[in-house]
Amino acid sequence: MSLNLSDRQDIRTHVRHLRRALSDEQQQLAAVQAAEHALSFAPLERAKNIALFLSVDGELNTRPLIAKLWQRKQRVYLPVLHPFSPGNLLFIRYDENTELKKNRLRIPEPPLDIRHLLPLSELDVLLVPLVAFDAQGQRLGMGGGFYDRTLQNWQHHGFLPVGLAHDCQQVEKIPTAAWDIPLPALITPSKIWQW
């Protein structure tokens, strides 16, 4: 294969193809295995407020994990596109009764209700989607920069960002850009990575 995997866009295309090629059974098993790792990961066990994402485009399915977090009475938040700060995310409470609607990127999100908004300083763990990752903790997102902006000052805000991905999303090396923020931890169906 003559893929130039030193190019970020080539990596995105290649890994998204691998991810989408997983069968329903593989996706289901991966979701359950990753949820088990996440639920036993100490920072997540202790967390009160956890932000994560709803899966699209072959991403690891987060619904089994969300259901377990609700059972454990932990509060779950989902990202919402900021209405007047382009490229930024807000995090809104998500429970069994929340009605989701698709945003302009075709991703389901809860209604923007200021009463359910969580400031980043009150977030404990942020589970981050990604297209690809490497063994150094570098992540490659979809290219919109939404999570890069959210992760910029994560230590200052006091939350722990944790990547969530399929094992097949690991690549040898991600060419980094100045704005890239490496992840301190990442969970796949087979293991928990920490850097």
Protein backbone atom coordinates (compact mmCIF):
# COMPACT_ATOMS: atom_id res chain seq x y z
CA MET A 1 0.00 0.00 0.00
CA SER A 2 1.53 3.31 -1.03
CA LEU A 3 -0.22 5.36 1.63
CA ASN A 4 1.78 8.30 2.82
CA LEU A 5 0.96 7.98 6.49
CA SER A 6 3.09 10.98 7.31
CA ASP A 7 0.25 13.12 5.99
CA ARG A 8 -2.49 13.89 8.49
CA GLN A 9 -5.27 13.69 5.93
CA ASP A 10 -4.04 10.31 4.64
CA ILE A 11 -4.03 8.99 8.20
CA ARG A 12 -7.57 10.25 8.73
CA THR A 13 -8.85 8.61 5.54
CA HIS A 14 -7.06 5.33 6.21
CA VAL A 15 -8.11 4.95 9.86
CA ARG A 16 -11.71 6.04 9.27
CA HIS A 17 -11.91 3.34 6.62
CA LEU A 18 -10.54 0.72 9.07
CA ARG A 19 -12.98 1.85 11.74
CA ARG A 20 -16.01 1.74 9.46
CA ALA A 21 -15.00 -1.76 8.24
CA LEU A 22 -15.63 -3.25 11.72
CA SER A 23 -18.70 -5.52 11.81
CA ASP A 24 -21.66 -4.81 14.11
CA GLU A 25 -20.51 -7.68 16.35
CA GLN A 26 -16.96 -6.30 16.52
CA GLN A 27 -18.34 -2.84 17.31
CA GLN A 28 -20.59 -4.22 20.07
CA LEU A 29 -17.82 -6.25 21.68
CA ALA A 30 -15.37 -3.32 21.46
CA ALA A 31 -17.91 -0.99 23.12
CA VAL A 32 -18.46 -3.40 26.02
CA GLN A 33 -14.73 -4.08 26.52
CA ALA A 34 -13.82 -0.37 26.41
CA ALA A 35 -16.66 0.43 28.84
CA GLU A 36 -15.31 -2.19 31.29
CA HIS A 37 -11.82 -0.62 31.14
CA ALA A 38 -13.25 2.87 31.55
CA LEU A 39 -15.42 1.90 34.53
CA SER A 40 -12.43 0.40 36.36
CA PHE A 41 -10.12 3.36 35.56
CA ALA A 42 -9.59 5.13 38.92
CA PRO A 43 -10.04 8.77 37.77
CA LEU A 44 -13.32 7.78 36.11
CA GLU A 45 -14.45 5.75 39.13
CA ARG A 46 -14.00 8.81 41.36
CA ALA A 47 -15.49 11.31 38.90
CA LYS A 48 -18.78 13.10 39.56
CA ASN A 49 -19.01 14.91 36.21
CA ILE A 50 -17.98 13.08 33.05
CA ALA A 51 -18.19 14.51 29.54
CA LEU A 52 -18.14 12.20 26.58
CA PHE A 53 -19.44 12.00 23.03
CA LEU A 54 -22.03 10.09 21.05
CA SER A 55 -20.39 7.97 18.39
CA VAL A 56 -20.59 8.71 14.68
CA ASP A 57 -18.72 7.37 11.64
CA GLY A 58 -17.59 4.07 13.19
CA GLU A 59 -16.30 5.63 16.42
CA LEU A 60 -16.29 3.43 19.48
CA ASN A 61 -19.90 3.24 20.69
CA THR A 62 -20.17 5.09 24.01
CA ARG A 63 -23.78 4.10 24.81
CA PRO A 64 -22.95 1.01 26.93
CA LEU A 65 -20.58 3.18 28.99
CA ILE A 66 -23.16 5.97 29.35
CA ALA A 67 -25.78 3.48 30.61
CA LYS A 68 -23.35 2.19 33.28
CA LEU A 69 -22.38 5.71 34.36
CA TRP A 70 -26.06 6.55 34.82
CA GLN A 71 -26.48 3.37 36.89
CA ARG A 72 -23.60 4.50 39.09
CA LYS A 73 -25.32 7.90 39.52
CA GLN A 74 -22.48 9.74 37.81
CA ARG A 75 -23.43 12.84 35.83
CA VAL A 76 -22.93 12.65 32.07
CA TYR A 77 -22.40 15.64 29.76
CA LEU A 78 -22.30 15.89 25.98
CA PRO A 79 -20.63 18.50 23.77
CA VAL A 80 -22.77 21.14 22.09
CA LEU A 81 -21.47 23.49 19.40
CA HIS A 82 -21.11 26.95 20.92
CA PRO A 83 -23.78 29.18 19.32
CA PHE A 84 -21.66 32.34 19.03
CA SER A 85 -18.07 31.25 19.57
CA PRO A 86 -17.28 29.29 16.38
CA GLY A 87 -15.11 26.22 16.85
CA ASN A 88 -15.78 25.95 20.58
CA LEU A 89 -17.75 23.43 22.60
CA LEU A 90 -20.05 23.70 25.60
CA PHE A 91 -20.92 20.70 27.77
CA ILE A 92 -24.57 20.08 28.63
CA ARG A 93 -26.05 17.53 31.06
CA TYR A 94 -27.38 14.37 29.41
CA ASP A 95 -29.75 11.94 31.10
CA GLU A 96 -32.33 9.31 30.12
CA ASN A 97 -34.94 12.00 29.39
CA THR A 98 -32.81 14.33 27.26
CA GLU A 99 -34.12 14.73 23.71
CA LEU A 100 -31.26 14.92 21.25
CA LYS A 101 -31.26 16.72 17.93
CA LYS A 102 -28.63 16.71 15.18
CA ASN A 103 -26.40 19.76 14.93
CA ARG A 104 -25.03 21.24 11.70
CA LEU A 105 -22.31 18.54 11.68
CA ARG A 106 -25.05 15.86 11.86
CA ILE A 107 -23.99 14.87 15.40
CA PRO A 108 -26.73 14.38 18.02
CA GLU A 109 -26.58 16.90 20.86
CA PRO A 110 -28.79 17.92 23.80
CA PRO A 111 -30.68 21.23 23.64
CA LEU A 112 -28.62 24.23 24.73
CA ASP A 113 -30.10 24.94 28.15
CA ILE A 114 -28.02 27.22 30.37
CA ARG A 115 -29.40 25.44 33.49
CA HIS A 116 -27.68 22.22 32.36
CA LEU A 117 -24.38 23.82 31.33
CA LEU A 118 -21.23 22.64 33.12
CA PRO A 119 -18.20 24.94 33.29
CA LEU A 120 -14.94 23.15 32.38
CA SER A 121 -13.64 23.87 35.90
CA GLU A 122 -16.32 21.53 37.31
CA LEU A 123 -15.61 18.72 34.86
CA ASP A 124 -13.67 15.74 36.26
CA VAL A 125 -13.04 13.60 33.18
CA LEU A 126 -13.43 14.42 29.48
CA LEU A 127 -13.58 11.37 27.21
CA VAL A 128 -12.26 12.59 23.87
CA PRO A 129 -13.05 11.21 20.41
CA LEU A 130 -10.24 10.86 17.92
CA VAL A 131 -9.48 9.48 14.49
CA ALA A 132 -6.00 8.13 15.26
CA PHE A 133 -3.46 7.97 18.08
CA ASP A 134 0.13 6.87 18.55
CA ALA A 135 2.07 5.26 21.40
CA GLN A 136 3.24 8.71 22.60
CA GLY A 137 -0.31 9.87 23.34
CA GLN A 138 -0.64 12.17 20.33
CA ARG A 139 -4.18 12.28 18.95
CA LEU A 140 -5.45 13.19 15.52
CA GLY A 141 -9.00 14.51 15.46
CA MET A 142 -11.41 15.12 12.60
CA GLY A 143 -9.68 18.38 11.72
CA GLY A 144 -12.21 20.87 13.07
CA GLY A 145 -10.11 21.76 16.12
CA PHE A 146 -13.06 21.64 18.54
CA TYR A 147 -11.32 19.36 21.03
CA ASP A 148 -7.91 21.00 20.47
CA ARG A 149 -9.44 24.24 21.75
CA THR A 150 -11.15 22.52 24.69
CA LEU A 151 -7.92 20.71 25.67
CA GLN A 152 -5.70 23.81 25.47
CA ASN A 153 -5.71 24.55 29.20
CA TRP A 154 -6.93 21.26 30.62
CA GLN A 155 -4.47 21.31 33.56
CA HIS A 156 -5.64 24.81 34.49
CA HIS A 157 -9.30 23.71 34.45
CA GLY A 158 -8.49 20.59 36.47
CA PHE A 159 -10.18 17.90 34.36
CA LEU A 160 -8.49 14.80 32.95
CA PRO A 161 -8.76 14.26 29.18
CA VAL A 162 -8.90 10.59 28.20
CA GLY A 163 -8.98 9.39 24.61
CA LEU A 164 -11.44 6.67 23.62
CA ALA A 165 -10.76 4.63 20.49
CA HIS A 166 -10.69 1.26 18.77
CA ASP A 167 -7.36 -0.59 18.83
CA CYS A 168 -7.22 -0.35 15.01
CA GLN A 169 -6.94 3.46 15.35
CA GLN A 170 -3.36 3.26 16.59
CA VAL A 171 -0.76 4.35 14.04
CA GLU A 172 3.01 4.35 14.27
CA LYS A 173 3.48 8.11 14.50
CA ILE A 174 1.21 11.11 14.15
CA PRO A 175 2.87 14.15 12.56
CA THR A 176 2.22 16.84 15.13
CA ALA A 177 1.19 20.45 14.69
CA ALA A 178 1.87 23.31 17.10
CA TRP A 179 -1.68 23.22 18.50
CA ASP A 180 -1.74 19.47 19.19
CA ILE A 181 -2.18 18.52 22.83
CA PRO A 182 -1.01 15.01 23.74
CA LEU A 183 -3.40 12.98 25.89
CA PRO A 184 -2.35 11.84 29.38
CA ALA A 185 -4.47 8.67 29.06
CA LEU A 186 -6.36 6.67 26.46
CA ILE A 187 -8.72 3.70 26.60
CA THR A 188 -9.16 1.06 23.90
CA PRO A 189 -11.02 -2.26 24.09
CA SER A 190 -7.74 -4.06 24.85
CA LYS A 191 -5.99 -1.74 27.32
CA ILE A 192 -5.65 1.50 29.25
CA TRP A 193 -2.73 3.65 28.11
CA GLN A 194 -1.20 6.26 30.45
CA TRP A 195 1.61 8.72 29.72
